[in-house]
């Protein structure tokens, strides 16, 4: 009986184990495969990008620079996994490796503690590990905003979009999306966000994550400040430099009752980014509140997904017996 139950819910069990292990036993960045891929994409970008060329050549070079390596990696891993005796567990391993690393939350908590102690210079230096913007001249409010925005955007993209892609499309589009995120992050360290070299990658990411971010924000707005969230989306999110990010920041600005966004420096160039809300500026305590809110939403929605998955499995088993 117990063996039959395990076989019935094997995919659900693999999913739960992958998510739990990604939180309880995360791999260190020194030996995580993501570190290798990030270095690989950074070297490819450095090799392919030519600053003295026209926009069309940037666009073509940027397209090939991310499509060819990612397609090669996905095909190689797919070929290796096709020989696996337990393909469901291979899918779970890929999910485990792709999920958001909680070490970023620990660094954010450390930044909040440093700001409480008045060590702004140390907090500013540590924030460089969380964001790709220039942090040398950030004020205390700027450090806090950058930290909160990074937590929210990374949590949604590197956890929830990954989970929804895994559930909705399987592991291969999820893997390709994760590799695109790593490539985007590696290139943004040296290129401005409006670079034509990055346009193909950013547009591909936008299309892939578009339905999942809308679904996520729509669901969470029911649990948080619904009217305020949609008011912010209409007022700010739809006019943001990147509307997917605009929806995410609108949700969390409304939920935390603080102002997010504002101008930011990238490679010494100032970019006028949308401000979200007219509330007070965030404090260091709001970093901890953001982490608490993200943890609450994570475990609530994961419990809901598991219950719905188990109920669907039982319903299908009942239909098959009948």
C-alpha atoms as a PDB file:
ATOM      1  CA  UNK A   1       0.000   0.000   0.000  1.00  0.00           C
ATOM      2  CA  UNK A   2       2.734   2.453   0.990  1.00  0.00           C
ATOM      3  CA  UNK A   3       4.776   1.528  -2.121  1.00  0.00           C
ATOM      4  CA  UNK A   4       1.752   2.179  -4.345  1.00  0.00           C
ATOM      5  CA  UNK A   5       1.208   5.514  -2.628  1.00  0.00           C
ATOM      6  CA  UNK A   6       4.841   6.500  -3.183  1.00  0.00           C
ATOM      7  CA  UNK A   7       4.649   5.537  -6.851  1.00  0.00           C
ATOM      8  CA  UNK A   8       1.441   7.545  -7.253  1.00  0.00           C
ATOM      9  CA  UNK A   9       2.968  10.658  -5.722  1.00  0.00           C
ATOM     10  CA  UNK A  10       6.564  10.157  -6.893  1.00  0.00           C
ATOM     11  CA  UNK A  11       6.672  13.405  -8.886  1.00  0.00           C
ATOM     12  CA  UNK A  12       5.225  15.334  -5.946  1.00  0.00           C
ATOM     13  CA  UNK A  13       7.740  13.751  -3.558  1.00  0.00           C
ATOM     14  CA  UNK A  14      10.627  14.700  -5.866  1.00  0.00           C
ATOM     15  CA  UNK A  15       9.328  18.264  -6.094  1.00  0.00           C
ATOM     16  CA  UNK A  16       9.040  18.601  -2.290  1.00  0.00           C
ATOM     17  CA  UNK A  17      12.532  17.158  -1.728  1.00  0.00           C
ATOM     18  CA  UNK A  18      14.102  19.461  -4.330  1.00  0.00           C
ATOM     19  CA  UNK A  19      12.520  22.575  -2.815  1.00  0.00           C
ATOM     20  CA  UNK A  20      13.322  21.525   0.766  1.00  0.00           C
ATOM     21  CA  UNK A  21      16.949  20.680  -0.015  1.00  0.00           C
ATOM     22  CA  UNK A  22      17.438  23.953  -1.881  1.00  0.00           C
ATOM     23  CA  UNK A  23      16.572  25.715   1.381  1.00  0.00           C
ATOM     24  CA  UNK A  24      18.181  23.358   3.908  1.00  0.00           C
ATOM     25  CA  UNK A  25      21.283  22.187   1.998  1.00  0.00           C
ATOM     26  CA  UNK A  26      22.138  24.810  -0.626  1.00  0.00           C
ATOM     27  CA  UNK A  27      25.368  24.352  -2.561  1.00  0.00           C
ATOM     28  CA  UNK A  28      28.114  26.881  -1.932  1.00  0.00           C
ATOM     29  CA  UNK A  29      28.903  29.199  -4.827  1.00  0.00           C
ATOM     30  CA  UNK A  30      32.477  27.859  -4.954  1.00  0.00           C
ATOM     31  CA  UNK A  31      31.346  24.502  -6.356  1.00  0.00           C
ATOM     32  CA  UNK A  32      27.846  25.242  -7.649  1.00  0.00           C
ATOM     33  CA  UNK A  33      27.449  24.662 -11.431  1.00  0.00           C
ATOM     34  CA  UNK A  34      25.934  28.137 -11.686  1.00  0.00           C
ATOM     35  CA  UNK A  35      29.323  29.665 -10.850  1.00  0.00           C
ATOM     36  CA  UNK A  36      30.884  27.870 -13.822  1.00  0.00           C
ATOM     37  CA  UNK A  37      28.076  28.916 -16.171  1.00  0.00           C
ATOM     38  CA  UNK A  38      28.233  32.535 -14.987  1.00  0.00           C
ATOM     39  CA  UNK A  39      31.982  32.614 -15.661  1.00  0.00           C
ATOM     40  CA  UNK A  40      31.442  30.978 -19.054  1.00  0.00           C
ATOM     41  CA  UNK A  41      28.824  33.550 -20.103  1.00  0.00           C
ATOM     42  CA  UNK A  42      30.970  36.425 -18.827  1.00  0.00           C
ATOM     43  CA  UNK A  43      33.916  35.221 -20.942  1.00  0.00           C
ATOM     44  CA  UNK A  44      31.694  34.748 -24.002  1.00  0.00           C
ATOM     45  CA  UNK A  45      30.309  38.270 -23.606  1.00  0.00           C
ATOM     46  CA  UNK A  46      33.794  39.709 -23.193  1.00  0.00           C
ATOM     47  CA  UNK A  47      34.994  37.860 -26.277  1.00  0.00           C
ATOM     48  CA  UNK A  48      32.040  38.618 -28.565  1.00  0.00           C
ATOM     49  CA  UNK A  49      31.095  42.170 -27.559  1.00  0.00           C
ATOM     50  CA  UNK A  50      32.796  44.818 -29.673  1.00  0.00           C
ATOM     51  CA  UNK A  51      32.185  48.397 -28.445  1.00  0.00           C
ATOM     52  CA  UNK A  52      32.981  50.063 -31.782  1.00  0.00           C
ATOM     53  CA  UNK A  53      30.270  48.615 -34.000  1.00  0.00           C
ATOM     54  CA  UNK A  54      26.683  49.388 -35.056  1.00  0.00           C
ATOM     55  CA  UNK A  55      23.392  48.409 -33.427  1.00  0.00           C
ATOM     56  CA  UNK A  56      22.524  45.723 -35.980  1.00  0.00           C
ATOM     57  CA  UNK A  57      25.807  43.889 -35.454  1.00  0.00           C
ATOM     58  CA  UNK A  58      25.352  44.147 -31.670  1.00  0.00           C
ATOM     59  CA  UNK A  59      21.894  42.628 -32.019  1.00  0.00           C
ATOM     60  CA  UNK A  60      23.090  39.703 -34.159  1.00  0.00           C
ATOM     61  CA  UNK A  61      26.164  39.069 -31.975  1.00  0.00           C
ATOM     62  CA  UNK A  62      24.082  39.247 -28.784  1.00  0.00           C
ATOM     63  CA  UNK A  63      21.542  36.769 -30.185  1.00  0.00           C
ATOM     64  CA  UNK A  64      24.173  34.190 -31.129  1.00  0.00           C
ATOM     65  CA  UNK A  65      26.210  34.746 -27.938  1.00  0.00           C
ATOM     66  CA  UNK A  66      23.398  33.515 -25.704  1.00  0.00           C
ATOM     67  CA  UNK A  67      21.434  31.168 -28.014  1.00  0.00           C
ATOM     68  CA  UNK A  68      24.269  28.889 -29.121  1.00  0.00           C
ATOM     69  CA  UNK A  69      25.848  28.198 -25.672  1.00  0.00           C
ATOM     70  CA  UNK A  70      22.495  27.707 -23.944  1.00  0.00           C
ATOM     71  CA  UNK A  71      21.153  25.430 -26.693  1.00  0.00           C
ATOM     72  CA  UNK A  72      24.366  23.377 -26.544  1.00  0.00           C
ATOM     73  CA  UNK A  73      24.211  22.999 -22.749  1.00  0.00           C
ATOM     74  CA  UNK A  74      20.510  22.039 -22.743  1.00  0.00           C
ATOM     75  CA  UNK A  75      20.968  19.482 -25.555  1.00  0.00           C
ATOM     76  CA  UNK A  76      23.980  17.915 -23.815  1.00  0.00           C
ATOM     77  CA  UNK A  77      22.163  17.592 -20.490  1.00  0.00           C
ATOM     78  CA  UNK A  78      19.051  16.253 -22.252  1.00  0.00           C
ATOM     79  CA  UNK A  79      21.172  13.647 -24.028  1.00  0.00           C
ATOM     80  CA  UNK A  80      22.825  12.525 -20.792  1.00  0.00           C
ATOM     81  CA  UNK A  81      19.499  12.394 -18.903  1.00  0.00           C
ATOM     82  CA  UNK A  82      17.909  10.231 -21.622  1.00  0.00           C
ATOM     83  CA  UNK A  83      20.020   7.327 -20.323  1.00  0.00           C
ATOM     84  CA  UNK A  84      18.816   7.782 -16.721  1.00  0.00           C
ATOM     85  CA  UNK A  85      16.930   4.931 -15.075  1.00  0.00           C
ATOM     86  CA  UNK A  86      14.898   7.355 -12.968  1.00  0.00           C
ATOM     87  CA  UNK A  87      14.197  10.425 -15.143  1.00  0.00           C
ATOM     88  CA  UNK A  88      11.841  11.964 -12.572  1.00  0.00           C
ATOM     89  CA  UNK A  89      14.693  12.176 -10.074  1.00  0.00           C
ATOM     90  CA  UNK A  90      16.946  13.746 -12.704  1.00  0.00           C
ATOM     91  CA  UNK A  91      14.248  16.384 -13.216  1.00  0.00           C
ATOM     92  CA  UNK A  92      14.247  16.952  -9.453  1.00  0.00           C
ATOM     93  CA  UNK A  93      18.029  17.364  -9.448  1.00  0.00           C
ATOM     94  CA  UNK A  94      17.763  20.009 -12.170  1.00  0.00           C
ATOM     95  CA  UNK A  95      15.080  21.817 -10.167  1.00  0.00           C
ATOM     96  CA  UNK A  96      17.305  21.730  -7.062  1.00  0.00           C
ATOM     97  CA  UNK A  97      20.233  23.240  -8.981  1.00  0.00           C
ATOM     98  CA  UNK A  98      18.078  25.934 -10.605  1.00  0.00           C
ATOM     99  CA  UNK A  99      16.278  27.194  -7.499  1.00  0.00           C
ATOM    100  CA  UNK A 100      17.048  30.460  -5.705  1.00  0.00           C
ATOM    101  CA  UNK A 101      19.905  30.254  -3.202  1.00  0.00           C
ATOM    102  CA  UNK A 102      18.928  31.424   0.327  1.00  0.00           C
ATOM    103  CA  UNK A 103      22.462  32.780   0.894  1.00  0.00           C
ATOM    104  CA  UNK A 104      21.242  36.077  -0.606  1.00  0.00           C
ATOM    105  CA  UNK A 105      18.738  36.433   2.234  1.00  0.00           C
ATOM    106  CA  UNK A 106      21.499  35.900   4.789  1.00  0.00           C
ATOM    107  CA  UNK A 107      23.587  38.609   3.132  1.00  0.00           C
ATOM    108  CA  UNK A 108      20.579  40.956   3.159  1.00  0.00           C
ATOM    109  CA  UNK A 109      20.075  40.317   6.882  1.00  0.00           C
ATOM    110  CA  UNK A 110      23.757  41.077   7.458  1.00  0.00           C
ATOM    111  CA  UNK A 111      23.387  44.357   5.539  1.00  0.00           C
ATOM    112  CA  UNK A 112      20.435  45.322   7.751  1.00  0.00           C
ATOM    113  CA  UNK A 113      22.466  44.540  10.869  1.00  0.00           C
ATOM    114  CA  UNK A 114      25.434  46.589   9.623  1.00  0.00           C
ATOM    115  CA  UNK A 115      23.172  49.568   8.933  1.00  0.00           C
ATOM    116  CA  UNK A 116      21.706  49.281  12.440  1.00  0.00           C
ATOM    117  CA  UNK A 117      25.278  49.492  13.776  1.00  0.00           C
ATOM    118  CA  UNK A 118      26.044  52.522  11.622  1.00  0.00           C
ATOM    119  CA  UNK A 119      28.567  50.685   9.420  1.00  0.00           C
ATOM    120  CA  UNK A 120      27.305  52.115   6.133  1.00  0.00           C
ATOM    121  CA  UNK A 121      30.578  51.678   4.216  1.00  0.00           C
ATOM    122  CA  UNK A 122      30.721  47.950   5.010  1.00  0.00           C
ATOM    123  CA  UNK A 123      27.044  47.530   4.144  1.00  0.00           C
ATOM    124  CA  UNK A 124      27.613  49.338   0.847  1.00  0.00           C
ATOM    125  CA  UNK A 125      30.508  47.024   0.018  1.00  0.00           C
ATOM    126  CA  UNK A 126      28.490  43.907   0.872  1.00  0.00           C
ATOM    127  CA  UNK A 127      25.580  45.104  -1.267  1.00  0.00           C
ATOM    128  CA  UNK A 128      27.765  44.709  -4.374  1.00  0.00           C
ATOM    129  CA  UNK A 129      27.220  40.949  -3.996  1.00  0.00           C
ATOM    130  CA  UNK A 130      23.449  41.415  -4.349  1.00  0.00           C
ATOM    131  CA  UNK A 131      23.101  44.034  -7.099  1.00  0.00           C
ATOM    132  CA  UNK A 132      24.788  44.936 -10.397  1.00  0.00           C
ATOM    133  CA  UNK A 133      24.308  48.702 -10.072  1.00  0.00           C
ATOM    134  CA  UNK A 134      27.093  51.016  -8.888  1.00  0.00           C
ATOM    135  CA  UNK A 135      27.071  51.134  -5.088  1.00  0.00           C
ATOM    136  CA  UNK A 136      30.031  53.428  -4.377  1.00  0.00           C
ATOM    137  CA  UNK A 137      27.904  56.541  -3.793  1.00  0.00           C
ATOM    138  CA  UNK A 138      24.724  54.958  -2.447  1.00  0.00           C
ATOM    139  CA  UNK A 139      23.127  56.593   0.567  1.00  0.00           C
ATOM    140  CA  UNK A 140      21.679  54.492   3.395  1.00  0.00           C
ATOM    141  CA  UNK A 141      18.221  54.707   1.807  1.00  0.00           C
ATOM    142  CA  UNK A 142      19.734  53.722  -1.551  1.00  0.00           C
ATOM    143  CA  UNK A 143      21.399  50.666  -0.018  1.00  0.00           C
ATOM    144  CA  UNK A 144      18.126  49.578   1.596  1.00  0.00           C
ATOM    145  CA  UNK A 145      16.101  50.127  -1.587  1.00  0.00           C
ATOM    146  CA  UNK A 146      18.624  48.236  -3.712  1.00  0.00           C
ATOM    147  CA  UNK A 147      18.646  45.370  -1.210  1.00  0.00           C
ATOM    148  CA  UNK A 148      14.832  45.087  -1.022  1.00  0.00           C
ATOM    149  CA  UNK A 149      14.406  45.333  -4.799  1.00  0.00           C
ATOM    150  CA  UNK A 150      17.077  42.687  -5.376  1.00  0.00           C
ATOM    151  CA  UNK A 151      15.442  40.330  -2.873  1.00  0.00           C
ATOM    152  CA  UNK A 152      11.992  40.712  -4.443  1.00  0.00           C
ATOM    153  CA  UNK A 153      13.076  40.471  -8.070  1.00  0.00           C
ATOM    154  CA  UNK A 154      15.412  37.524  -7.464  1.00  0.00           C
ATOM    155  CA  UNK A 155      12.885  35.654  -5.338  1.00  0.00           C
ATOM    156  CA  UNK A 156      10.182  35.937  -7.979  1.00  0.00           C
ATOM    157  CA  UNK A 157      12.389  35.191 -10.980  1.00  0.00           C
ATOM    158  CA  UNK A 158      14.796  32.630  -9.517  1.00  0.00           C
ATOM    159  CA  UNK A 159      12.286  30.792  -7.360  1.00  0.00           C
ATOM    160  CA  UNK A 160       8.683  31.282  -8.439  1.00  0.00           C
ATOM    161  CA  UNK A 161       9.142  31.534 -12.200  1.00  0.00           C
ATOM    162  CA  UNK A 162      11.476  28.509 -11.976  1.00  0.00           C
ATOM    163  CA  UNK A 163       8.866  26.535  -9.998  1.00  0.00           C
ATOM    164  CA  UNK A 164       6.004  27.516 -12.319  1.00  0.00           C
ATOM    165  CA  UNK A 165       8.056  26.646 -15.414  1.00  0.00           C
ATOM    166  CA  UNK A 166       8.894  23.257 -13.875  1.00  0.00           C
ATOM    167  CA  UNK A 167       5.250  22.544 -13.095  1.00  0.00           C
ATOM    168  CA  UNK A 168       3.848  23.965 -16.303  1.00  0.00           C
ATOM    169  CA  UNK A 169       6.362  23.041 -18.997  1.00  0.00           C
ATOM    170  CA  UNK A 170       8.844  20.582 -17.508  1.00  0.00           C
ATOM    171  CA  UNK A 171      12.543  20.860 -16.686  1.00  0.00           C
ATOM    172  CA  UNK A 172      13.996  21.856 -20.060  1.00  0.00           C
ATOM    173  CA  UNK A 173      12.444  25.275 -20.563  1.00  0.00           C
ATOM    174  CA  UNK A 174      13.115  25.853 -16.848  1.00  0.00           C
ATOM    175  CA  UNK A 175      16.795  25.021 -17.373  1.00  0.00           C
ATOM    176  CA  UNK A 176      17.039  27.260 -20.442  1.00  0.00           C
ATOM    177  CA  UNK A 177      15.406  30.119 -18.512  1.00  0.00           C
ATOM    178  CA  UNK A 178      17.827  29.702 -15.594  1.00  0.00           C
ATOM    179  CA  UNK A 179      20.799  29.787 -17.960  1.00  0.00           C
ATOM    180  CA  UNK A 180      19.417  32.956 -19.571  1.00  0.00           C
ATOM    181  CA  UNK A 181      19.164  34.561 -16.121  1.00  0.00           C
ATOM    182  CA  UNK A 182      22.792  33.666 -15.388  1.00  0.00           C
ATOM    183  CA  UNK A 183      23.876  35.038 -18.763  1.00  0.00           C
ATOM    184  CA  UNK A 184      21.921  38.253 -18.215  1.00  0.00           C
ATOM    185  CA  UNK A 185      23.463  38.768 -14.763  1.00  0.00           C
ATOM    186  CA  UNK A 186      26.991  38.064 -16.049  1.00  0.00           C
ATOM    187  CA  UNK A 187      26.672  40.572 -18.888  1.00  0.00           C
ATOM    188  CA  UNK A 188      25.044  43.301 -16.811  1.00  0.00           C
ATOM    189  CA  UNK A 189      28.146  43.530 -14.645  1.00  0.00           C
ATOM    190  CA  UNK A 190      30.046  45.106 -17.540  1.00  0.00           C
ATOM    191  CA  UNK A 191      27.350  46.400 -19.914  1.00  0.00           C
ATOM    192  CA  UNK A 192      24.718  49.119 -19.368  1.00  0.00           C
ATOM    193  CA  UNK A 193      21.098  47.883 -19.203  1.00  0.00           C
ATOM    194  CA  UNK A 194      20.181  49.675 -22.445  1.00  0.00           C
ATOM    195  CA  UNK A 195      22.927  47.999 -24.503  1.00  0.00           C
ATOM    196  CA  UNK A 196      21.728  46.654 -27.866  1.00  0.00           C
ATOM    197  CA  UNK A 197      24.004  43.662 -27.352  1.00  0.00           C
ATOM    198  CA  UNK A 198      21.694  42.553 -24.513  1.00  0.00           C
ATOM    199  CA  UNK A 199      18.371  43.334 -26.245  1.00  0.00           C
ATOM    200  CA  UNK A 200      17.771  39.823 -27.728  1.00  0.00           C
ATOM    201  CA  UNK A 201      18.441  38.129 -24.392  1.00  0.00           C
ATOM    202  CA  UNK A 202      16.268  40.558 -22.436  1.00  0.00           C
ATOM    203  CA  UNK A 203      13.372  40.257 -24.892  1.00  0.00           C
ATOM    204  CA  UNK A 204      13.529  36.461 -24.778  1.00  0.00           C
ATOM    205  CA  UNK A 205      13.492  36.536 -20.975  1.00  0.00           C
ATOM    206  CA  UNK A 206      10.569  38.968 -21.044  1.00  0.00           C
ATOM    207  CA  UNK A 207       8.469  36.686 -23.264  1.00  0.00           C
ATOM    208  CA  UNK A 208       9.235  33.503 -21.292  1.00  0.00           C
ATOM    209  CA  UNK A 209       8.460  34.956 -17.854  1.00  0.00           C
ATOM    210  CA  UNK A 210       5.569  37.246 -18.889  1.00  0.00           C
ATOM    211  CA  UNK A 211       2.612  34.890 -18.142  1.00  0.00           C
ATOM    212  CA  UNK A 212       4.129  33.471 -14.962  1.00  0.00           C
ATOM    213  CA  UNK A 213       4.888  36.850 -13.382  1.00  0.00           C
ATOM    214  CA  UNK A 214       1.382  38.104 -14.199  1.00  0.00           C
ATOM    215  CA  UNK A 215      -0.107  34.953 -12.697  1.00  0.00           C
ATOM    216  CA  UNK A 216       2.056  35.215  -9.588  1.00  0.00           C
ATOM    217  CA  UNK A 217       1.323  38.908  -8.961  1.00  0.00           C
ATOM    218  CA  UNK A 218      -2.407  38.456  -9.601  1.00  0.00           C
ATOM    219  CA  UNK A 219      -2.584  35.602  -7.072  1.00  0.00           C
ATOM    220  CA  UNK A 220      -0.512  37.334  -4.405  1.00  0.00           C
ATOM    221  CA  UNK A 221      -2.448  40.567  -4.743  1.00  0.00           C
ATOM    222  CA  UNK A 222      -5.461  38.636  -3.377  1.00  0.00           C
ATOM    223  CA  UNK A 223      -3.458  37.794  -0.244  1.00  0.00           C
ATOM    224  CA  UNK A 224      -1.938  41.263   0.191  1.00  0.00           C
ATOM    225  CA  UNK A 225      -3.192  44.802  -0.471  1.00  0.00           C
ATOM    226  CA  UNK A 226      -5.310  44.099  -3.564  1.00  0.00           C
ATOM    227  CA  UNK A 227      -6.572  47.594  -4.420  1.00  0.00           C
ATOM    228  CA  UNK A 228      -3.259  49.288  -3.734  1.00  0.00           C
ATOM    229  CA  UNK A 229      -1.313  46.711  -5.763  1.00  0.00           C
ATOM    230  CA  UNK A 230      -3.440  47.184  -8.870  1.00  0.00           C
ATOM    231  CA  UNK A 231      -3.443  50.938  -8.401  1.00  0.00           C
ATOM    232  CA  UNK A 232       0.380  50.859  -8.398  1.00  0.00           C
ATOM    233  CA  UNK A 233       0.437  48.580 -11.447  1.00  0.00           C
ATOM    234  CA  UNK A 234      -1.783  50.967 -13.391  1.00  0.00           C
ATOM    235  CA  UNK A 235       0.115  54.037 -12.201  1.00  0.00           C
ATOM    236  CA  UNK A 236       3.721  52.777 -12.186  1.00  0.00           C
ATOM    237  CA  UNK A 237       4.153  49.144 -13.237  1.00  0.00           C
ATOM    238  CA  UNK A 238       2.820  49.496 -16.773  1.00  0.00           C
ATOM    239  CA  UNK A 239       5.175  52.422 -17.450  1.00  0.00           C
ATOM    240  CA  UNK A 240       8.303  50.871 -15.958  1.00  0.00           C
ATOM    241  CA  UNK A 241      11.477  50.385 -18.029  1.00  0.00           C
ATOM    242  CA  UNK A 242      10.746  46.638 -17.841  1.00  0.00           C
ATOM    243  CA  UNK A 243       7.074  45.926 -17.187  1.00  0.00           C
ATOM    244  CA  UNK A 244       7.687  42.472 -15.683  1.00  0.00           C
ATOM    245  CA  UNK A 245       9.893  44.096 -13.036  1.00  0.00           C
ATOM    246  CA  UNK A 246       7.322  46.872 -12.725  1.00  0.00           C
ATOM    247  CA  UNK A 247       4.599  44.410 -11.759  1.00  0.00           C
ATOM    248  CA  UNK A 248       6.840  42.762  -9.153  1.00  0.00           C
ATOM    249  CA  UNK A 249       7.945  46.041  -7.559  1.00  0.00           C
ATOM    250  CA  UNK A 250       4.362  47.363  -7.581  1.00  0.00           C
ATOM    251  CA  UNK A 251       3.244  44.306  -5.612  1.00  0.00           C
ATOM    252  CA  UNK A 252       5.940  44.592  -2.951  1.00  0.00           C
ATOM    253  CA  UNK A 253       5.831  48.392  -2.669  1.00  0.00           C
ATOM    254  CA  UNK A 254       2.100  48.089  -1.932  1.00  0.00           C
ATOM    255  CA  UNK A 255       2.585  45.147   0.457  1.00  0.00           C
ATOM    256  CA  UNK A 256       5.435  46.750   2.437  1.00  0.00           C
ATOM    257  CA  UNK A 257       3.941  50.287   2.347  1.00  0.00           C
ATOM    258  CA  UNK A 258       7.266  51.820   1.326  1.00  0.00           C
ATOM    259  CA  UNK A 259       8.615  53.628  -1.720  1.00  0.00           C
ATOM    260  CA  UNK A 260      10.793  51.569  -4.051  1.00  0.00           C
ATOM    261  CA  UNK A 261      12.641  52.375  -7.276  1.00  0.00           C
ATOM    262  CA  UNK A 262      14.263  55.630  -8.306  1.00  0.00           C
ATOM    263  CA  UNK A 263      17.388  56.621 -10.275  1.00  0.00           C
ATOM    264  CA  UNK A 264      20.329  54.197 -10.361  1.00  0.00           C
ATOM    265  CA  UNK A 265      23.892  54.208 -11.689  1.00  0.00           C
ATOM    266  CA  UNK A 266      25.201  51.497 -14.020  1.00  0.00           C
ATOM    267  CA  UNK A 267      28.828  51.635 -15.232  1.00  0.00           C
ATOM    268  CA  UNK A 268      28.942  55.289 -14.169  1.00  0.00           C
ATOM    269  CA  UNK A 269      25.828  56.252 -16.175  1.00  0.00           C
ATOM    270  CA  UNK A 270      22.701  57.517 -14.418  1.00  0.00           C
ATOM    271  CA  UNK A 271      19.392  55.901 -15.416  1.00  0.00           C
ATOM    272  CA  UNK A 272      16.062  57.493 -14.481  1.00  0.00           C
ATOM    273  CA  UNK A 273      14.027  54.552 -13.220  1.00  0.00           C
ATOM    274  CA  UNK A 274      10.414  54.647 -12.064  1.00  0.00           C
ATOM    275  CA  UNK A 275       9.592  55.322  -8.408  1.00  0.00           C
ATOM    276  CA  UNK A 276       6.884  53.085  -6.967  1.00  0.00           C
ATOM    277  CA  UNK A 277       4.573  54.691  -4.443  1.00  0.00           C
ATOM    278  CA  UNK A 278       4.471  57.882  -2.421  1.00  0.00           C
ATOM    279  CA  UNK A 279       4.975  56.227   0.959  1.00  0.00           C
ATOM    280  CA  UNK A 280       7.933  56.699   3.310  1.00  0.00           C
ATOM    281  CA  UNK A 281      11.440  55.626   2.364  1.00  0.00           C
ATOM    282  CA  UNK A 282      12.310  52.124   3.641  1.00  0.00           C
ATOM    283  CA  UNK A 283      14.338  51.550   6.804  1.00  0.00           C
ATOM    284  CA  UNK A 284      16.774  48.768   7.638  1.00  0.00           C
ATOM    285  CA  UNK A 285      13.969  46.992   9.519  1.00  0.00           C
ATOM    286  CA  UNK A 286      12.071  46.774   6.215  1.00  0.00           C
ATOM    287  CA  UNK A 287      14.768  44.450   4.857  1.00  0.00           C
ATOM    288  CA  UNK A 288      13.880  41.950   7.597  1.00  0.00           C
ATOM    289  CA  UNK A 289      10.180  42.539   6.945  1.00  0.00           C
ATOM    290  CA  UNK A 290      10.736  41.812   3.250  1.00  0.00           C
ATOM    291  CA  UNK A 291      12.466  38.515   4.068  1.00  0.00           C
ATOM    292  CA  UNK A 292       9.659  37.599   6.481  1.00  0.00           C
ATOM    293  CA  UNK A 293       7.019  38.369   3.862  1.00  0.00           C
ATOM    294  CA  UNK A 294       8.851  36.395   1.165  1.00  0.00           C
ATOM    295  CA  UNK A 295       9.191  33.370   3.467  1.00  0.00           C
ATOM    296  CA  UNK A 296       5.508  33.520   4.426  1.00  0.00           C
ATOM    297  CA  UNK A 297       4.392  33.713   0.794  1.00  0.00           C
ATOM    298  CA  UNK A 298       6.796  30.948  -0.241  1.00  0.00           C
ATOM    299  CA  UNK A 299       5.634  28.360   2.264  1.00  0.00           C
ATOM    300  CA  UNK A 300       1.943  29.242   1.952  1.00  0.00           C
ATOM    301  CA  UNK A 301       1.927  28.926  -1.831  1.00  0.00           C
ATOM    302  CA  UNK A 302       4.097  25.791  -1.800  1.00  0.00           C
ATOM    303  CA  UNK A 303       1.690  24.153   0.641  1.00  0.00           C
ATOM    304  CA  UNK A 304      -1.203  25.142  -1.630  1.00  0.00           C
ATOM    305  CA  UNK A 305       0.565  23.710  -4.711  1.00  0.00           C
ATOM    306  CA  UNK A 306       1.320  20.428  -2.925  1.00  0.00           C
ATOM    307  CA  UNK A 307      -2.258  20.040  -1.708  1.00  0.00           C
ATOM    308  CA  UNK A 308      -3.672  20.708  -5.185  1.00  0.00           C
ATOM    309  CA  UNK A 309      -1.134  18.329  -6.751  1.00  0.00           C
ATOM    310  CA  UNK A 310      -1.949  15.528  -4.279  1.00  0.00           C
ATOM    311  CA  UNK A 311      -5.699  16.064  -4.762  1.00  0.00           C
ATOM    312  CA  UNK A 312      -5.290  15.929  -8.551  1.00  0.00           C
ATOM    313  CA  UNK A 313      -3.264  12.696  -8.323  1.00  0.00           C
ATOM    314  CA  UNK A 314      -5.908  11.069  -6.118  1.00  0.00           C
ATOM    315  CA  UNK A 315      -8.684  12.220  -8.442  1.00  0.00           C
ATOM    316  CA  UNK A 316      -6.912  10.773 -11.498  1.00  0.00           C
ATOM    317  CA  UNK A 317      -6.247   7.487  -9.695  1.00  0.00           C
ATOM    318  CA  UNK A 318      -9.917   7.246  -8.731  1.00  0.00           C
ATOM    319  CA  UNK A 319     -10.987   7.892 -12.324  1.00  0.00           C
ATOM    320  CA  UNK A 320      -8.611   5.211 -13.617  1.00  0.00           C
ATOM    321  CA  UNK A 321      -9.984   2.618 -11.167  1.00  0.00           C
ATOM    322  CA  UNK A 322     -13.531   3.418 -12.243  1.00  0.00           C
END
